[in-house]
Amino acid sequence: MLVGIAQGTLVRQPDEGAAAHLFQLLMPVQLVLIAWFAGSWLPNRPCSAALVLALQGMGFLAVLAIVYFRHL
């Protein structure tokens, strides 16, 4: 936000639609669920939990990459 203010490019954007709003709501929820999973499964089954967490991390990065490259 500070960069947008400094560059003078902070203007009202058109509504992105329901899909974008759902994405913005579900990504933080996913982070909370991942943290809960890590807290409950890592102490009991560290190898299996680490594999699942690695897959979740790759999925999260893939979604962020899609959003980044779509807005280039």
N, C-alpha and C. Protein backbone atom coordinates (compact mmCIF):
# COMPACT_ATOMS: atom_id res chain seq x y z
N MET A 1 0.81 -1.17 0.00
CA MET A 1 0.00 0.00 0.00
C MET A 1 0.87 1.26 0.00
N LEU A 2 1.94 1.21 0.78
CA LEU A 2 2.82 2.37 0.82
C LEU A 2 3.48 2.62 -0.52
N VAL A 3 3.84 1.56 -1.23
CA VAL A 3 4.44 1.71 -2.56
C VAL A 3 3.43 2.33 -3.51
N GLY A 4 2.17 1.89 -3.43
CA GLY A 4 1.13 2.46 -4.29
C GLY A 4 0.91 3.93 -4.02
N ILE A 5 0.96 4.32 -2.76
CA ILE A 5 0.82 5.73 -2.42
C ILE A 5 2.01 6.53 -2.93
N ALA A 6 3.21 5.99 -2.76
CA ALA A 6 4.42 6.70 -3.19
C ALA A 6 4.46 6.86 -4.70
N GLN A 7 4.00 5.86 -5.44
CA GLN A 7 4.02 5.94 -6.90
C GLN A 7 2.81 6.67 -7.47
N GLY A 8 1.82 6.91 -6.63
CA GLY A 8 0.61 7.56 -7.11
C GLY A 8 -0.28 6.66 -7.93
N THR A 9 -0.14 5.35 -7.75
CA THR A 9 -0.93 4.40 -8.54
C THR A 9 -2.06 3.77 -7.73
N LEU A 10 -2.31 4.29 -6.55
CA LEU A 10 -3.35 3.73 -5.69
C LEU A 10 -4.70 4.31 -6.12
N VAL A 11 -5.40 3.57 -6.96
CA VAL A 11 -6.72 4.00 -7.45
C VAL A 11 -7.73 2.89 -7.19
N ARG A 12 -8.98 3.25 -7.21
CA ARG A 12 -10.04 2.26 -7.00
C ARG A 12 -10.06 1.28 -8.18
N GLN A 13 -10.02 0.00 -7.85
CA GLN A 13 -10.04 -1.05 -8.86
C GLN A 13 -11.46 -1.56 -9.04
N PRO A 14 -11.79 -2.06 -10.23
CA PRO A 14 -13.11 -2.67 -10.42
C PRO A 14 -13.22 -3.94 -9.60
N ASP A 15 -14.43 -4.32 -9.27
CA ASP A 15 -14.66 -5.52 -8.48
C ASP A 15 -14.13 -6.75 -9.22
N GLU A 16 -13.42 -7.61 -8.50
CA GLU A 16 -12.79 -8.77 -9.12
C GLU A 16 -13.73 -9.96 -9.23
N GLY A 17 -14.85 -9.93 -8.55
CA GLY A 17 -15.81 -11.02 -8.66
C GLY A 17 -15.78 -11.95 -7.46
N ALA A 18 -16.73 -12.87 -7.46
CA ALA A 18 -16.90 -13.79 -6.33
C ALA A 18 -15.72 -14.73 -6.17
N ALA A 19 -15.14 -15.18 -7.27
CA ALA A 19 -14.02 -16.13 -7.19
C ALA A 19 -12.83 -15.50 -6.47
N ALA A 20 -12.54 -14.26 -6.76
CA ALA A 20 -11.41 -13.59 -6.10
C ALA A 20 -11.69 -13.39 -4.62
N HIS A 21 -12.93 -13.06 -4.28
CA HIS A 21 -13.27 -12.87 -2.88
C HIS A 21 -13.19 -14.19 -2.11
N LEU A 22 -13.65 -15.28 -2.72
CA LEU A 22 -13.53 -16.58 -2.07
C LEU A 22 -12.07 -16.96 -1.87
N PHE A 23 -11.24 -16.70 -2.88
CA PHE A 23 -9.81 -16.97 -2.76
C PHE A 23 -9.22 -16.21 -1.58
N GLN A 24 -9.56 -14.93 -1.47
CA GLN A 24 -9.02 -14.09 -0.40
C GLN A 24 -9.50 -14.56 0.97
N LEU A 25 -10.66 -15.14 1.06
CA LEU A 25 -11.16 -15.65 2.33
C LEU A 25 -10.60 -17.04 2.67
N LEU A 26 -10.46 -17.88 1.67
CA LEU A 26 -10.07 -19.26 1.92
C LEU A 26 -8.57 -19.46 2.13
N MET A 27 -7.73 -18.60 1.58
CA MET A 27 -6.29 -18.78 1.77
C MET A 27 -5.88 -18.63 3.24
N PRO A 28 -6.34 -17.61 3.97
CA PRO A 28 -5.99 -17.55 5.40
C PRO A 28 -6.58 -18.71 6.20
N VAL A 29 -7.77 -19.17 5.83
CA VAL A 29 -8.37 -20.32 6.51
C VAL A 29 -7.49 -21.56 6.29
N GLN A 30 -6.98 -21.70 5.08
CA GLN A 30 -6.10 -22.83 4.79
C GLN A 30 -4.84 -22.78 5.65
N LEU A 31 -4.28 -21.60 5.86
CA LEU A 31 -3.09 -21.48 6.71
C LEU A 31 -3.38 -21.90 8.15
N VAL A 32 -4.55 -21.54 8.65
CA VAL A 32 -4.93 -21.95 10.00
C VAL A 32 -5.08 -23.47 10.08
N LEU A 33 -5.69 -24.07 9.08
CA LEU A 33 -5.84 -25.52 9.07
C LEU A 33 -4.49 -26.23 8.95
N ILE A 34 -3.59 -25.68 8.19
CA ILE A 34 -2.25 -26.27 8.07
C ILE A 34 -1.53 -26.19 9.42
N ALA A 35 -1.66 -25.06 10.10
CA ALA A 35 -1.02 -24.93 11.42
C ALA A 35 -1.62 -25.91 12.42
N TRP A 36 -2.93 -26.09 12.38
CA TRP A 36 -3.58 -27.07 13.27
C TRP A 36 -3.09 -28.48 12.95
N PHE A 37 -3.02 -28.83 11.67
CA PHE A 37 -2.53 -30.14 11.26
C PHE A 37 -1.10 -30.36 11.75
N ALA A 38 -0.26 -29.35 11.56
CA ALA A 38 1.15 -29.48 11.97
C ALA A 38 1.25 -29.67 13.48
N GLY A 39 0.46 -28.93 14.24
CA GLY A 39 0.52 -29.07 15.69
C GLY A 39 0.02 -30.39 16.20
N SER A 40 -0.96 -30.97 15.52
CA SER A 40 -1.52 -32.22 16.01
C SER A 40 -0.83 -33.47 15.45
N TRP A 41 -0.29 -33.41 14.25
CA TRP A 41 0.29 -34.60 13.64
C TRP A 41 1.82 -34.67 13.70
N LEU A 42 2.50 -33.56 13.72
CA LEU A 42 3.96 -33.63 13.75
C LEU A 42 4.51 -34.36 14.97
N PRO A 43 3.96 -34.16 16.16
CA PRO A 43 4.51 -34.91 17.31
C PRO A 43 4.26 -36.42 17.21
N ASN A 44 3.15 -36.83 16.60
CA ASN A 44 2.79 -38.25 16.55
C ASN A 44 3.42 -38.99 15.38
N ARG A 45 3.34 -38.43 14.19
CA ARG A 45 3.85 -39.09 12.99
C ARG A 45 4.66 -38.08 12.18
N PRO A 46 5.89 -37.79 12.58
CA PRO A 46 6.65 -36.71 11.95
C PRO A 46 6.95 -36.92 10.47
N CYS A 47 7.25 -38.14 10.05
CA CYS A 47 7.60 -38.35 8.64
C CYS A 47 6.39 -38.15 7.73
N SER A 48 5.28 -38.76 8.08
CA SER A 48 4.07 -38.61 7.27
C SER A 48 3.58 -37.18 7.27
N ALA A 49 3.61 -36.54 8.43
CA ALA A 49 3.13 -35.16 8.53
C ALA A 49 4.03 -34.22 7.74
N ALA A 50 5.33 -34.44 7.77
CA ALA A 50 6.25 -33.59 7.02
C ALA A 50 5.99 -33.70 5.51
N LEU A 51 5.67 -34.90 5.04
CA LEU A 51 5.36 -35.09 3.63
C LEU A 51 4.09 -34.32 3.25
N VAL A 52 3.06 -34.44 4.07
CA VAL A 52 1.81 -33.73 3.80
C VAL A 52 2.03 -32.22 3.85
N LEU A 53 2.80 -31.75 4.81
CA LEU A 53 3.07 -30.31 4.92
C LEU A 53 3.88 -29.81 3.72
N ALA A 54 4.80 -30.62 3.24
CA ALA A 54 5.57 -30.24 2.05
C ALA A 54 4.65 -30.12 0.83
N LEU A 55 3.72 -31.05 0.68
CA LEU A 55 2.77 -30.99 -0.43
C LEU A 55 1.86 -29.77 -0.29
N GLN A 56 1.42 -29.48 0.93
CA GLN A 56 0.59 -28.30 1.15
C GLN A 56 1.37 -27.03 0.81
N GLY A 57 2.62 -26.98 1.20
CA GLY A 57 3.46 -25.82 0.91
C GLY A 57 3.64 -25.62 -0.59
N MET A 58 3.86 -26.71 -1.31
CA MET A 58 4.00 -26.60 -2.77
C MET A 58 2.70 -26.15 -3.42
N GLY A 59 1.58 -26.65 -2.92
CA GLY A 59 0.29 -26.21 -3.44
C GLY A 59 0.05 -24.74 -3.18
N PHE A 60 0.40 -24.29 -1.99
CA PHE A 60 0.24 -22.88 -1.63
C PHE A 60 1.10 -21.99 -2.53
N LEU A 61 2.34 -22.40 -2.75
CA LEU A 61 3.23 -21.63 -3.62
C LEU A 61 2.75 -21.64 -5.07
N ALA A 62 2.16 -22.76 -5.51
CA ALA A 62 1.64 -22.83 -6.87
C ALA A 62 0.48 -21.85 -7.07
N VAL A 63 -0.40 -21.76 -6.08
CA VAL A 63 -1.52 -20.83 -6.17
C VAL A 63 -1.02 -19.39 -6.18
N LEU A 64 -0.06 -19.08 -5.32
CA LEU A 64 0.49 -17.73 -5.30
C LEU A 64 1.20 -17.40 -6.61
N ALA A 65 1.86 -18.38 -7.20
CA ALA A 65 2.55 -18.15 -8.48
C ALA A 65 1.54 -17.86 -9.58
N ILE A 66 0.42 -18.56 -9.57
CA ILE A 66 -0.63 -18.32 -10.58
C ILE A 66 -1.14 -16.89 -10.46
N VAL A 67 -1.41 -16.47 -9.24
CA VAL A 67 -1.91 -15.11 -9.02
C VAL A 67 -0.85 -14.09 -9.46
N TYR A 68 0.40 -14.35 -9.12
CA TYR A 68 1.48 -13.41 -9.48
C TYR A 68 1.62 -13.29 -11.00
N PHE A 69 1.70 -14.41 -11.68
CA PHE A 69 1.94 -14.37 -13.13
C PHE A 69 0.72 -13.91 -13.90
N ARG A 70 -0.47 -14.03 -13.34
CA ARG A 70 -1.66 -13.53 -14.00
C ARG A 70 -1.71 -12.02 -14.00
N HIS A 71 -1.07 -11.40 -13.02
CA HIS A 71 -1.12 -9.95 -12.90
C HIS A 71 0.12 -9.26 -13.46
N LEU A 72 0.94 -9.96 -14.21
CA LEU A 72 2.10 -9.32 -14.83
C LEU A 72 1.73 -8.50 -16.02
